[in-house]
Amino acid sequence: MNPNPQATAAAADAPPRSHPRAFEPVTLVLTIVLSVLGALIGIVLITTLGVSPNTAVIGALVAMLIGRIPVGVLTRMRSKHRQNLVQSAISGSTFAAANSLLTPIAVPFALGRNDLVWPMLGGAVIGLAIDSWVLYRVFDSKLLPATGSWPAGIAAAETIKAGDTGGRKAAILGAGALVGFVGALFKLPTSAAGVGFLGNIWALAMFGIGLTVGQYAPDFGFDLGANHVPHGLMIGAGLVALTQALLLMRTRKGGGGGAGADQAPTADGGPGVDGGPDADGGPGVDGADGGRTVQAPQLRRGLLEGMGLFVCGAVVVAIAGGVVGGLSVPALVGWVLLAGVAAIVHQLIVGLAAMHSGWFPAFAVTLIFLIIGLVLHIPTVPLALLVGYTASTGPAFADLGYDFKAGWLLRRDAAPWRPFEIEGRRQQYLAQLVGFGVALVVVAVAWKAFFSDGKVPPVAEVYVTTIKTGLEPGTMTTMLLWAIPGALVQLIGGPSRQMGVLLATGLLVATPQAGWMVLGALVVRQLYTMWRRRGIADARARKESDEQAENELSLVGAGLVAGSSLNDVGQLTKAL
């Protein structure tokens, strides 16, 4: 599956040994310009329609078009790796502006505490920075492997590859994108169908079941959301998922994930390179620890550092937001610890859901911690700051995972692979930091005009309404009861399938018709695989046939996701 190193080195289209830099003048200028566009798209759509689109495909297409301009340095953008840097930055800017920065500061504003907007913005910046740093440290570990689905990342990578090579794959991808775009125009969640062609079948089946049950339960007189059933399931599944994550952080002595198989992290503090390249210089076999760039010690270090940094960030928010003067010392310590735990739990659950399904329940998981805060009788202002700080984490974590997945796919033919992959991932991280910086400037300049005009993210208003009205009696008891089946489903599925988290995610988002799209895609996927292997008796030939079927259906799925993303960005005209 991986190329021969000598053939790869001799190939005319082999990637350069030195990865393009994020701060090259042409790349940096294009990155900044498109990041401004992405940030504006993000804040307009989150305040008007309540959604934040993935603009990665838009960034990739613009970079490809600029690369086709026969003017001197602009031709450098024909490099798929530079296009990857640009699409990483614009998607990061979009999610950072809309989800990680604007939504948190909208919480104190909607509460009538304009004086807390700037302190909350500072806390959101801290949350965003730590969020992205942790993902950079732990991506391609056993917890968050590069071989995971990350559907939006596949869509971005396949779009770039199609523009680079053309041919039959480009035709399949283009047809899928057209179907995805047209279906989205008619309000069909075609991205859900695309997700069904990608990733673990068990995880996606639970996601589809959750979506379908969530859609039709109200027709039978039972409102799952109002009764906090999905939230309870997510609590149980999330607790088990965190336990499973802790177990994955263990170092198994004598195994591929042992300390002896790892080298120290790279000089820049990024992911370490494990025990040496594969024979062909490419990525390792799916599921083998030796093929991952981040092993158990790096995973453990990254998550522990993230937890410590989130707690330190909570201290800053407490001081800047005036929480220090309003709580007793024990209450203040409890608030800081809860904020730190909420931030890292939020990012992990959102990241796991995004990796498997392409959808992340950021609003719902934040609401869970809001409810916990109400149960603990946290005062209004500290609770609002806790909610804002928690909401600042997760979306950028998931988006960076999508972008790293895209880069991983685009760099798989490199020789030698590992040094090029590590350096490419670092450059992507730097490009995203540029996007985050642009998003911060845009939000800092624009928030007052948007909020004064009544354009506040709807989810922030829901948070504030919940804070003001409080909880109905028995809410926490109900959630804890439903946490039991959520925990059992997650336990049965194991860490590789995340069935409990995906079931709860489906129930929480409950997008109309999305469940049928996911389940229908899974049926088509199975039928097509069976049809391709008809008449093949040899086991090896059947395996090759199944792999070919998966590759072809992945292209279709990537096209559907890309087309739906294009339609989401097109909603800007409706919002304006």
Protein backbone atom coordinates (compact mmCIF):
# COMPACT_ATOMS: atom_id res chain seq x y z
CA MET A 1 0.00 0.00 0.00
CA ASN A 2 2.85 2.36 0.76
CA PRO A 3 5.25 3.33 -2.05
CA ASN A 4 8.75 1.95 -2.49
CA PRO A 5 11.20 4.56 -1.17
CA GLN A 6 13.44 4.49 -4.24
CA ALA A 7 10.52 4.74 -6.61
CA THR A 8 9.02 7.51 -4.54
CA ALA A 9 12.25 9.49 -4.49
CA ALA A 10 12.54 9.14 -8.25
CA ALA A 11 8.94 10.06 -8.98
CA ALA A 12 8.45 13.44 -10.56
CA ASP A 13 5.61 14.33 -8.25
CA ALA A 14 7.31 13.22 -5.04
CA PRO A 15 6.91 15.69 -2.16
CA PRO A 16 9.90 17.87 -1.33
CA ARG A 17 12.11 16.75 1.54
CA SER A 18 11.69 20.15 3.17
CA HIS A 19 8.05 20.93 3.93
CA PRO A 20 6.80 24.39 2.80
CA ARG A 21 6.79 26.94 5.62
CA ALA A 22 3.72 28.65 7.04
CA PHE A 23 5.57 31.99 7.19
CA GLU A 24 6.71 32.09 3.56
CA PRO A 25 5.61 35.53 2.26
CA VAL A 26 3.10 34.33 -0.36
CA THR A 27 1.63 31.67 1.90
CA LEU A 28 1.43 34.04 4.88
CA VAL A 29 -0.29 36.83 2.94
CA LEU A 30 -2.86 34.45 1.48
CA THR A 31 -3.33 32.87 4.90
CA ILE A 32 -4.07 36.23 6.55
CA VAL A 33 -6.47 37.38 3.82
CA LEU A 34 -8.46 34.13 3.82
CA SER A 35 -8.42 33.99 7.63
CA VAL A 36 -10.12 37.39 7.74
CA LEU A 37 -12.75 36.03 5.35
CA GLY A 38 -13.16 32.87 7.42
CA ALA A 39 -13.54 34.80 10.68
CA LEU A 40 -16.19 37.08 9.17
CA ILE A 41 -18.11 34.12 7.73
CA GLY A 42 -17.96 32.42 11.12
CA ILE A 43 -19.27 35.33 13.22
CA VAL A 44 -21.99 36.25 10.70
CA LEU A 45 -23.38 32.72 10.53
CA ILE A 46 -23.08 31.93 14.25
CA THR A 47 -24.99 35.11 15.17
CA THR A 48 -27.69 34.82 12.50
CA LEU A 49 -28.22 31.13 11.77
CA GLY A 50 -26.57 29.65 14.86
CA VAL A 51 -24.14 27.51 12.84
CA SER A 52 -20.44 27.67 12.03
CA PRO A 53 -19.47 26.13 8.67
CA ASN A 54 -16.25 24.31 7.86
CA THR A 55 -14.48 26.63 5.41
CA ALA A 56 -11.52 24.29 4.79
CA VAL A 57 -12.78 23.29 1.32
CA ILE A 58 -13.23 26.96 0.39
CA GLY A 59 -9.66 27.69 1.44
CA ALA A 60 -8.36 24.75 -0.56
CA LEU A 61 -10.27 25.80 -3.68
CA VAL A 62 -9.11 29.43 -3.46
CA ALA A 63 -5.50 28.35 -2.97
CA MET A 64 -5.76 26.02 -5.98
CA LEU A 65 -7.20 28.77 -8.16
CA ILE A 66 -4.45 31.22 -7.14
CA GLY A 67 -1.85 28.56 -7.90
CA ARG A 68 -3.18 28.39 -11.46
CA ILE A 69 -2.44 32.10 -12.05
CA PRO A 70 0.72 32.19 -14.19
CA VAL A 71 2.32 35.05 -12.27
CA GLY A 72 5.73 34.48 -10.68
CA VAL A 73 5.51 33.50 -7.04
CA LEU A 74 1.77 32.74 -7.17
CA THR A 75 2.55 29.48 -8.94
CA ARG A 76 4.09 28.29 -5.66
CA MET A 77 0.51 27.78 -4.45
CA ARG A 78 0.23 24.80 -6.80
CA SER A 79 1.91 22.82 -4.04
CA LYS A 80 -0.68 20.66 -2.29
CA HIS A 81 1.19 21.18 0.97
CA ARG A 82 0.88 24.98 0.75
CA GLN A 83 -2.80 24.57 -0.07
CA ASN A 84 -3.07 22.43 3.04
CA LEU A 85 -1.52 25.19 5.14
CA VAL A 86 -3.97 27.77 3.79
CA GLN A 87 -7.05 25.58 4.30
CA SER A 88 -5.88 24.81 7.83
CA ALA A 89 -5.68 28.51 8.65
CA ILE A 90 -9.04 29.57 7.23
CA SER A 91 -10.96 26.73 8.88
CA GLY A 92 -9.19 27.43 12.16
CA SER A 93 -10.05 31.11 11.91
CA THR A 94 -13.72 30.33 11.27
CA PHE A 95 -14.21 28.02 14.24
CA ALA A 96 -12.06 30.13 16.53
CA ALA A 97 -13.97 33.33 15.80
CA ALA A 98 -17.44 31.81 15.96
CA ASN A 99 -17.24 29.08 18.59
CA SER A 100 -14.16 29.69 20.72
CA LEU A 101 -14.20 33.48 21.04
CA LEU A 102 -17.52 35.13 20.13
CA THR A 103 -19.83 32.59 21.83
CA PRO A 104 -18.02 32.74 25.21
CA ILE A 105 -18.04 36.54 25.38
CA ALA A 106 -21.72 36.57 24.40
CA VAL A 107 -22.58 34.82 27.69
CA PRO A 108 -21.69 37.73 30.04
CA PHE A 109 -23.09 40.20 27.49
CA ALA A 110 -26.47 38.41 27.38
CA LEU A 111 -26.37 38.35 31.19
CA GLY A 112 -26.13 42.15 31.17
CA ARG A 113 -22.52 42.26 32.40
CA ASN A 114 -20.75 44.13 29.61
CA ASP A 115 -17.86 44.81 32.00
CA LEU A 116 -17.00 41.09 31.88
CA VAL A 117 -16.79 40.82 28.09
CA TRP A 118 -13.09 41.71 27.88
CA PRO A 119 -12.04 39.50 30.82
CA MET A 120 -14.03 36.67 29.26
CA LEU A 121 -12.34 37.29 25.90
CA GLY A 122 -8.99 36.93 27.62
CA GLY A 123 -10.12 33.65 29.18
CA ALA A 124 -11.43 32.42 25.82
CA VAL A 125 -8.09 33.18 24.20
CA ILE A 126 -6.36 31.12 26.88
CA GLY A 127 -8.82 28.26 26.37
CA LEU A 128 -8.35 28.39 22.60
CA ALA A 129 -4.56 28.41 22.86
CA ILE A 130 -4.45 25.45 25.25
CA ASP A 131 -7.10 23.62 23.23
CA SER A 132 -5.02 23.69 20.04
CA TRP A 133 -1.75 22.97 21.87
CA VAL A 134 -3.13 19.79 23.43
CA LEU A 135 -4.41 18.48 20.10
CA TYR A 136 -1.04 19.22 18.51
CA ARG A 137 0.65 17.17 21.21
CA VAL A 138 -1.70 14.15 21.14
CA PHE A 139 -2.86 13.83 17.52
CA ASP A 140 -1.97 10.46 16.03
CA SER A 141 -1.95 8.75 19.41
CA LYS A 142 -3.99 5.69 20.27
CA LEU A 143 -6.68 8.01 21.67
CA LEU A 144 -6.90 10.30 18.62
CA PRO A 145 -5.25 8.38 15.76
CA ALA A 146 -4.57 9.80 12.32
CA THR A 147 -6.23 6.67 10.98
CA GLY A 148 -9.51 7.79 12.59
CA SER A 149 -12.32 9.04 10.37
CA TRP A 150 -12.07 12.83 10.77
CA PRO A 151 -14.57 13.22 7.85
CA ALA A 152 -14.02 16.92 7.13
CA GLY A 153 -10.28 16.26 6.92
CA ILE A 154 -10.80 13.56 4.31
CA ALA A 155 -13.02 15.93 2.32
CA ALA A 156 -10.36 18.67 2.35
CA ALA A 157 -7.55 16.26 1.41
CA GLU A 158 -9.48 14.64 -1.41
CA THR A 159 -10.45 18.05 -2.78
CA ILE A 160 -6.80 19.10 -2.88
CA LYS A 161 -5.68 15.79 -4.42
CA ALA A 162 -8.43 15.95 -7.04
CA GLY A 163 -7.32 19.42 -8.08
CA ASP A 164 -3.72 18.22 -8.20
CA THR A 165 -4.16 14.99 -10.16
CA GLY A 166 -7.58 15.02 -11.82
CA GLY A 167 -8.70 11.78 -13.47
CA ARG A 168 -11.29 9.25 -12.32
CA LYS A 169 -10.90 10.07 -8.63
CA ALA A 170 -11.57 13.73 -9.34
CA ALA A 171 -14.69 12.78 -11.28
CA ILE A 172 -16.03 10.64 -8.42
CA LEU A 173 -15.26 13.34 -5.88
CA GLY A 174 -16.82 16.03 -8.08
CA ALA A 175 -19.98 14.01 -8.60
CA GLY A 176 -20.26 13.43 -4.86
CA ALA A 177 -19.73 17.14 -4.17
CA LEU A 178 -22.44 18.07 -6.69
CA VAL A 179 -24.90 15.67 -5.08
CA GLY A 180 -23.95 16.96 -1.63
CA PHE A 181 -24.39 20.59 -2.67
CA VAL A 182 -27.73 20.08 -4.43
CA GLY A 183 -29.07 17.94 -1.59
CA ALA A 184 -28.09 20.59 0.93
CA LEU A 185 -29.91 23.21 -1.13
CA PHE A 186 -33.06 21.16 -0.57
CA LYS A 187 -32.39 21.06 3.19
CA LEU A 188 -31.14 17.47 3.19
CA PRO A 189 -28.21 16.77 5.57
CA THR A 190 -26.02 15.27 2.85
CA SER A 191 -22.94 15.65 5.02
CA ALA A 192 -24.48 12.99 7.28
CA ALA A 193 -24.68 10.62 4.31
CA GLY A 194 -21.06 11.41 3.52
CA VAL A 195 -20.04 10.59 7.07
CA GLY A 196 -21.77 7.22 6.68
CA PHE A 197 -19.25 6.23 4.00
CA LEU A 198 -16.31 7.02 6.29
CA GLY A 199 -15.07 5.52 9.52
CA ASN A 200 -16.08 2.80 11.93
CA ILE A 201 -19.39 1.15 11.06
CA TRP A 202 -20.34 0.41 14.68
CA ALA A 203 -19.72 3.99 15.81
CA LEU A 204 -21.65 5.41 12.87
CA ALA A 205 -24.52 2.95 13.39
CA MET A 206 -24.96 4.19 16.96
CA PHE A 207 -24.73 7.78 15.71
CA GLY A 208 -27.45 7.09 13.12
CA ILE A 209 -29.67 5.37 15.69
CA GLY A 210 -29.28 8.34 18.02
CA LEU A 211 -30.16 10.79 15.27
CA THR A 212 -33.25 8.80 14.26
CA VAL A 213 -34.54 8.28 17.81
CA GLY A 214 -33.91 11.94 18.62
CA GLN A 215 -35.92 13.01 15.59
CA TYR A 216 -38.99 10.84 16.15
CA ALA A 217 -39.23 10.59 19.95
CA PRO A 218 -41.26 13.84 20.23
CA ASP A 219 -43.87 12.34 17.84
CA PHE A 220 -44.55 9.74 20.53
CA GLY A 221 -45.01 12.38 23.21
CA PHE A 222 -41.55 12.18 24.80
CA ASP A 223 -39.19 15.13 24.47
CA LEU A 224 -35.75 13.67 25.09
CA GLY A 225 -34.03 17.04 25.35
CA ALA A 226 -36.52 18.50 27.81
CA ASN A 227 -36.11 15.41 29.99
CA HIS A 228 -32.29 15.60 29.72
CA VAL A 229 -32.03 12.01 28.52
CA PRO A 230 -29.24 12.67 25.98
CA HIS A 231 -27.32 14.67 28.57
CA GLY A 232 -27.52 11.80 31.04
CA LEU A 233 -26.35 9.33 28.42
CA MET A 234 -23.44 11.62 27.57
CA ILE A 235 -22.45 11.90 31.23
CA GLY A 236 -22.25 8.12 31.57
CA ALA A 237 -20.56 7.59 28.22
CA GLY A 238 -18.20 10.50 28.82
CA LEU A 239 -17.06 9.19 32.20
CA VAL A 240 -16.31 5.77 30.71
CA ALA A 241 -14.61 7.39 27.71
CA LEU A 242 -12.36 9.37 30.06
CA THR A 243 -11.50 6.20 31.97
CA GLN A 244 -10.65 4.49 28.70
CA ALA A 245 -8.50 7.47 27.74
CA LEU A 246 -6.60 7.16 31.02
CA LEU A 247 -6.02 3.48 30.35
CA LEU A 248 -4.65 4.30 26.89
CA MET A 249 -2.11 6.58 28.56
CA ARG A 250 -0.49 3.62 30.27
CA THR A 251 2.93 2.47 29.11
CA ARG A 252 2.92 -1.27 28.49
CA LYS A 253 6.32 -2.70 29.26
CA GLY A 254 7.75 -4.85 26.50
CA GLY A 255 5.08 -3.78 23.99
CA GLY A 256 5.06 -1.52 21.01
CA GLY A 257 3.74 1.29 23.16
CA GLY A 258 6.42 0.93 25.79
CA ALA A 259 8.89 3.58 26.77
CA GLY A 260 11.62 1.84 24.91
CA ALA A 261 9.75 2.30 21.66
CA ASP A 262 9.60 6.05 22.00
CA GLN A 263 12.05 8.80 21.48
CA ALA A 264 11.91 12.16 23.17
CA PRO A 265 9.63 14.82 21.74
CA THR A 266 10.99 16.99 18.99
CA ALA A 267 12.92 20.10 19.88
CA ASP A 268 9.92 22.34 19.37
CA GLY A 269 7.91 20.44 21.94
CA GLY A 270 5.76 18.72 19.33
CA PRO A 271 4.99 15.07 18.95
CA GLY A 272 7.85 12.63 19.30
CA VAL A 273 8.90 10.24 16.60
CA ASP A 274 8.54 6.64 17.63
CA GLY A 275 10.80 3.71 17.02
CA GLY A 276 11.83 4.32 13.42
CA PRO A 277 10.19 4.30 10.00
CA ASP A 278 8.46 1.38 8.40
CA ALA A 279 10.31 -0.54 5.76
CA ASP A 280 8.81 1.59 3.05
CA GLY A 281 9.17 4.88 4.89
CA GLY A 282 5.44 5.42 5.05
CA PRO A 283 2.74 5.33 7.72
CA GLY A 284 2.50 2.16 9.75
CA VAL A 285 -0.23 -0.42 9.56
CA ASP A 286 -3.55 0.75 10.92
CA GLY A 287 -3.83 -0.17 14.55
CA ALA A 288 -0.14 -0.88 15.13
CA ASP A 289 1.39 1.36 17.78
CA GLY A 290 4.68 1.34 15.90
CA GLY A 291 3.08 3.27 13.05
CA ARG A 292 1.95 6.18 15.23
CA THR A 293 3.95 9.34 15.76
CA VAL A 294 2.66 9.79 19.34
CA GLN A 295 3.00 6.95 21.85
CA ALA A 296 1.63 6.47 25.37
CA PRO A 297 4.24 8.62 27.17
CA GLN A 298 3.63 11.58 24.83
CA LEU A 299 -0.13 11.12 25.13
CA ARG A 300 0.10 11.08 28.92
CA ARG A 301 2.37 14.11 29.00
CA GLY A 302 0.18 16.09 26.61
CA LEU A 303 -3.06 15.48 28.50
CA LEU A 304 -1.50 16.14 31.91
CA GLU A 305 0.08 19.36 30.64
CA GLY A 306 -3.28 20.34 29.18
CA MET A 307 -5.02 19.75 32.50
CA GLY A 308 -2.45 21.85 34.34
CA LEU A 309 -2.65 24.67 31.81
CA PHE A 310 -6.45 24.70 31.90
CA VAL A 311 -6.37 25.03 35.70
CA CYS A 312 -3.87 27.92 35.40
CA GLY A 313 -6.15 29.53 32.81
CA ALA A 314 -9.09 29.19 35.19
CA VAL A 315 -7.08 31.06 37.83
CA VAL A 316 -6.56 33.93 35.37
CA VAL A 317 -10.28 34.01 34.53
CA ALA A 318 -11.15 34.02 38.22
CA ILE A 319 -8.88 37.00 38.88
CA ALA A 320 -9.85 38.98 35.76
CA GLY A 321 -13.56 38.28 36.20
CA GLY A 322 -13.69 39.20 39.86
CA VAL A 323 -14.55 35.69 41.03
CA VAL A 324 -11.78 35.88 43.64
CA GLY A 325 -13.59 38.51 45.64
CA GLY A 326 -17.01 36.83 45.48
CA LEU A 327 -16.20 33.33 46.71
CA SER A 328 -14.70 31.87 49.86
CA VAL A 329 -11.28 30.24 49.54
CA PRO A 330 -12.63 26.65 49.48
CA ALA A 331 -15.32 27.66 46.97
CA LEU A 332 -12.75 29.44 44.81
CA VAL A 333 -10.47 26.39 44.79
CA GLY A 334 -13.43 24.21 43.85
CA TRP A 335 -14.44 26.59 41.06
CA VAL A 336 -10.92 26.63 39.59
CA LEU A 337 -10.65 22.83 39.66
CA LEU A 338 -14.12 22.38 38.16
CA ALA A 339 -13.31 24.87 35.38
CA GLY A 340 -10.06 23.07 34.57
CA VAL A 341 -11.69 19.63 34.52
CA ALA A 342 -14.66 20.92 32.50
CA ALA A 343 -12.36 22.41 29.88
CA ILE A 344 -10.33 19.26 29.24
CA VAL A 345 -13.33 16.90 29.47
CA HIS A 346 -15.23 19.13 27.05
CA GLN A 347 -12.41 19.13 24.52
CA LEU A 348 -11.91 15.36 24.68
CA ILE A 349 -15.59 14.45 24.27
CA VAL A 350 -16.02 16.97 21.45
CA GLY A 351 -12.84 15.70 19.79
CA LEU A 352 -13.83 12.03 20.00
CA ALA A 353 -17.30 12.74 18.61
CA ALA A 354 -15.85 14.83 15.79
CA MET A 355 -13.28 12.17 14.91
CA HIS A 356 -15.88 9.45 14.48
CA SER A 357 -18.93 11.36 13.21
CA GLY A 358 -17.80 14.73 11.86
CA TRP A 359 -20.30 16.36 14.26
CA PHE A 360 -19.47 17.65 17.71
CA PRO A 361 -21.96 18.28 20.58
CA ALA A 362 -20.14 21.31 22.00
CA PHE A 363 -23.33 23.10 23.06
CA ALA A 364 -24.76 20.05 24.83
CA VAL A 365 -21.59 19.14 26.72
CA THR A 366 -21.20 22.75 27.89
CA LEU A 367 -24.82 22.62 29.03
CA ILE A 368 -24.02 19.54 31.11
CA PHE A 369 -21.40 21.47 33.06
CA LEU A 370 -23.81 24.38 33.39
CA ILE A 371 -26.32 22.00 34.97
CA ILE A 372 -23.65 20.63 37.30
CA GLY A 373 -22.85 24.23 38.29
CA LEU A 374 -26.52 24.86 39.08
CA VAL A 375 -26.68 21.70 41.19
CA LEU A 376 -23.61 22.91 43.10
CA HIS A 377 -25.32 26.32 43.58
CA ILE A 378 -22.49 28.30 41.99
CA PRO A 379 -23.44 32.01 41.93
CA THR A 380 -24.59 33.58 38.67
CA VAL A 381 -21.43 35.45 37.60
CA PRO A 382 -18.93 32.67 38.42
CA LEU A 383 -21.23 30.20 36.66
CA ALA A 384 -21.43 32.38 33.55
CA LEU A 385 -17.64 32.62 33.44
CA LEU A 386 -17.35 28.86 33.93
CA VAL A 387 -19.70 28.30 30.99
CA GLY A 388 -17.84 30.74 28.77
CA TYR A 389 -14.45 29.24 29.61
CA THR A 390 -15.71 25.70 28.94
CA ALA A 391 -17.32 26.75 25.65
CA SER A 392 -14.00 28.16 24.42
CA THR A 393 -12.58 24.64 24.21
CA GLY A 394 -13.52 21.78 21.89
CA PRO A 395 -14.41 23.20 18.44
CA ALA A 396 -10.86 24.33 17.62
CA PHE A 397 -9.60 21.01 19.02
CA ALA A 398 -11.86 19.13 16.58
CA ASP A 399 -11.08 21.42 13.66
CA LEU A 400 -7.34 21.05 14.10
CA GLY A 401 -7.88 17.29 14.09
CA TYR A 402 -9.66 17.58 10.73
CA ASP A 403 -6.80 19.64 9.31
CA PHE A 404 -4.09 17.33 10.62
CA LYS A 405 -5.97 14.42 9.08
CA ALA A 406 -5.98 16.24 5.73
CA GLY A 407 -2.26 16.91 5.99
CA TRP A 408 -1.56 13.32 7.03
CA LEU A 409 -3.33 12.05 3.91
CA LEU A 410 -1.50 14.50 1.65
CA ARG A 411 1.91 13.61 3.09
CA ARG A 412 1.60 9.82 3.01
CA ASP A 413 3.73 9.48 -0.13
CA ALA A 414 6.69 11.34 1.36
CA ALA A 415 10.07 9.65 1.61
CA PRO A 416 11.33 9.59 4.30
CA TRP A 417 7.86 9.86 5.74
CA ARG A 418 8.18 10.50 9.48
CA PRO A 419 10.39 13.63 9.47
CA PHE A 420 8.25 15.12 6.71
CA GLU A 421 5.02 14.30 8.57
CA ILE A 422 6.24 15.78 11.86
CA GLU A 423 7.48 18.97 10.19
CA GLY A 424 4.32 19.29 8.10
CA ARG A 425 2.14 18.98 11.16
CA ARG A 426 4.19 21.67 12.92
CA GLN A 427 3.76 24.02 9.96
CA GLN A 428 0.03 23.37 9.97
CA TYR A 429 -0.09 24.25 13.65
CA LEU A 430 1.76 27.51 12.98
CA ALA A 431 -0.64 28.32 10.13
CA GLN A 432 -3.58 27.74 12.44
CA LEU A 433 -2.03 30.04 15.04
CA VAL A 434 -2.01 32.75 12.37
CA GLY A 435 -5.69 32.02 11.75
CA PHE A 436 -6.41 32.21 15.48
CA GLY A 437 -4.61 35.55 15.74
CA VAL A 438 -6.64 36.97 12.85
CA ALA A 439 -9.86 35.64 14.44
CA LEU A 440 -9.00 37.37 17.72
CA VAL A 441 -8.48 40.72 15.99
CA VAL A 442 -11.73 40.39 14.02
CA VAL A 443 -13.76 39.46 17.11
CA ALA A 444 -12.18 42.19 19.22
CA VAL A 445 -13.09 44.79 16.59
CA ALA A 446 -16.52 43.49 15.58
CA TRP A 447 -18.22 42.10 18.71
CA LYS A 448 -19.65 45.39 19.93
CA ALA A 449 -21.27 46.21 16.57
CA PHE A 450 -22.81 42.74 16.29
CA PHE A 451 -24.07 42.57 19.88
CA SER A 452 -25.41 46.13 19.84
CA ASP A 453 -27.42 45.18 16.75
CA GLY A 454 -28.96 42.27 18.64
CA LYS A 455 -26.87 39.64 16.84
CA VAL A 456 -25.91 37.30 19.66
CA PRO A 457 -25.20 33.57 19.16
CA PRO A 458 -28.43 31.70 20.02
CA VAL A 459 -26.59 29.13 22.15
CA ALA A 460 -25.29 31.90 24.42
CA GLU A 461 -28.85 33.07 25.02
CA VAL A 462 -29.85 29.50 25.91
CA TYR A 463 -27.01 29.33 28.45
CA VAL A 464 -28.07 32.59 30.07
CA THR A 465 -31.75 31.61 30.13
CA THR A 466 -30.85 28.34 31.85
CA ILE A 467 -28.67 30.18 34.39
CA LYS A 468 -31.52 32.59 35.22
CA THR A 469 -34.36 30.05 35.38
CA GLY A 470 -32.46 27.28 37.18
CA LEU A 471 -33.32 23.59 37.17
CA GLU A 472 -36.53 21.69 37.62
CA PRO A 473 -36.56 19.36 40.64
CA GLY A 474 -35.13 15.93 39.93
CA THR A 475 -33.12 16.96 36.84
CA MET A 476 -29.81 15.69 38.18
CA THR A 477 -31.38 12.44 39.37
CA THR A 478 -32.83 11.83 35.91
CA MET A 479 -29.49 12.49 34.27
CA LEU A 480 -27.66 10.15 36.62
CA LEU A 481 -30.18 7.37 35.93
CA TRP A 482 -29.72 7.71 32.18
CA ALA A 483 -25.97 7.82 32.69
CA ILE A 484 -26.05 4.09 33.49
CA PRO A 485 -27.10 2.86 30.01
CA GLY A 486 -24.78 5.45 28.43
CA ALA A 487 -21.86 4.05 30.41
CA LEU A 488 -22.79 0.45 29.50
CA VAL A 489 -22.98 1.15 25.76
CA GLN A 490 -19.63 2.95 25.86
CA LEU A 491 -18.08 0.12 27.84
CA ILE A 492 -19.35 -2.53 25.42
CA GLY A 493 -18.10 -0.64 22.36
CA GLY A 494 -14.66 0.08 23.76
CA PRO A 495 -12.39 3.08 23.09
CA SER A 496 -11.98 2.39 19.37
CA ARG A 497 -15.70 2.60 18.59
CA GLN A 498 -16.92 5.25 21.09
CA MET A 499 -20.45 3.85 20.72
CA GLY A 500 -21.85 5.49 23.85
CA VAL A 501 -20.47 8.93 23.00
CA LEU A 502 -21.76 8.63 19.43
CA LEU A 503 -25.22 7.48 20.55
CA ALA A 504 -25.48 10.47 22.89
CA THR A 505 -24.16 12.78 20.16
CA GLY A 506 -26.86 11.63 17.76
CA LEU A 507 -29.57 12.16 20.36
CA LEU A 508 -28.24 15.61 21.18
CA VAL A 509 -27.96 17.01 17.65
CA ALA A 510 -31.12 15.23 16.38
CA THR A 511 -30.96 16.90 12.95
CA PRO A 512 -34.06 16.03 10.87
CA GLN A 513 -33.48 13.23 8.32
CA ALA A 514 -29.79 12.94 9.27
CA GLY A 515 -30.33 9.55 10.89
CA TRP A 516 -31.80 8.11 7.71
CA MET A 517 -28.90 9.56 5.75
CA VAL A 518 -26.29 7.90 7.98
CA LEU A 519 -28.07 4.54 8.21
CA GLY A 520 -28.85 4.55 4.47
CA ALA A 521 -25.20 5.23 3.65
CA LEU A 522 -24.14 2.33 5.89
CA VAL A 523 -26.54 0.00 4.06
CA VAL A 524 -25.24 1.15 0.67
CA ARG A 525 -21.69 0.74 1.92
CA GLN A 526 -22.29 -2.87 2.94
CA LEU A 527 -24.23 -3.79 -0.20
CA TYR A 528 -21.60 -2.27 -2.50
CA THR A 529 -18.80 -4.09 -0.69
CA MET A 530 -20.68 -7.39 -1.01
CA TRP A 531 -21.44 -6.73 -4.69
CA ARG A 532 -17.77 -6.08 -5.52
CA ARG A 533 -16.60 -9.28 -3.88
CA ARG A 534 -19.18 -11.48 -5.63
CA GLY A 535 -17.63 -14.60 -7.15
CA ILE A 536 -14.28 -14.06 -5.40
CA ALA A 537 -13.26 -17.13 -3.39
CA ASP A 538 -9.65 -16.31 -2.51
CA ALA A 539 -9.39 -14.65 0.92
CA ARG A 540 -6.62 -12.27 -0.12
CA ALA A 541 -8.49 -11.22 -3.24
CA ARG A 542 -11.65 -10.62 -1.19
CA LYS A 543 -9.68 -8.43 1.19
CA GLU A 544 -8.26 -6.40 -1.70
CA SER A 545 -11.76 -6.05 -3.16
CA ASP A 546 -13.10 -4.78 0.16
CA GLU A 547 -10.28 -2.24 0.43
CA GLN A 548 -10.96 -1.00 -3.09
CA ALA A 549 -14.65 -0.64 -2.29
CA GLU A 550 -13.83 1.34 0.85
CA ASN A 551 -11.52 3.63 -1.12
CA GLU A 552 -14.15 4.35 -3.76
CA LEU A 553 -16.89 4.95 -1.21
CA SER A 554 -14.56 7.20 0.79
CA LEU A 555 -14.26 9.41 -2.27
CA VAL A 556 -18.04 9.58 -2.54
CA GLY A 557 -18.35 10.39 1.15
CA ALA A 558 -15.66 13.05 0.96
CA GLY A 559 -17.46 14.63 -1.99
CA LEU A 560 -20.78 14.73 -0.14
CA VAL A 561 -19.16 16.39 2.89
CA ALA A 562 -17.33 18.89 0.67
CA GLY A 563 -20.50 19.78 -1.25
CA SER A 564 -22.47 20.26 1.94
CA SER A 565 -19.69 22.49 3.33
CA LEU A 566 -19.82 24.64 0.21
CA ASN A 567 -23.56 25.09 0.71
CA ASP A 568 -23.04 26.01 4.37
CA VAL A 569 -20.63 28.77 3.39
CA GLY A 570 -23.12 29.86 0.72
CA GLN A 571 -25.62 30.55 3.51
CA LEU A 572 -23.67 33.76 4.11
CA THR A 573 -25.81 35.56 1.54
CA LYS A 574 -28.96 34.44 3.36
CA ALA A 575 -27.54 35.63 6.68
CA LEU A 576 -26.61 39.01 5.26
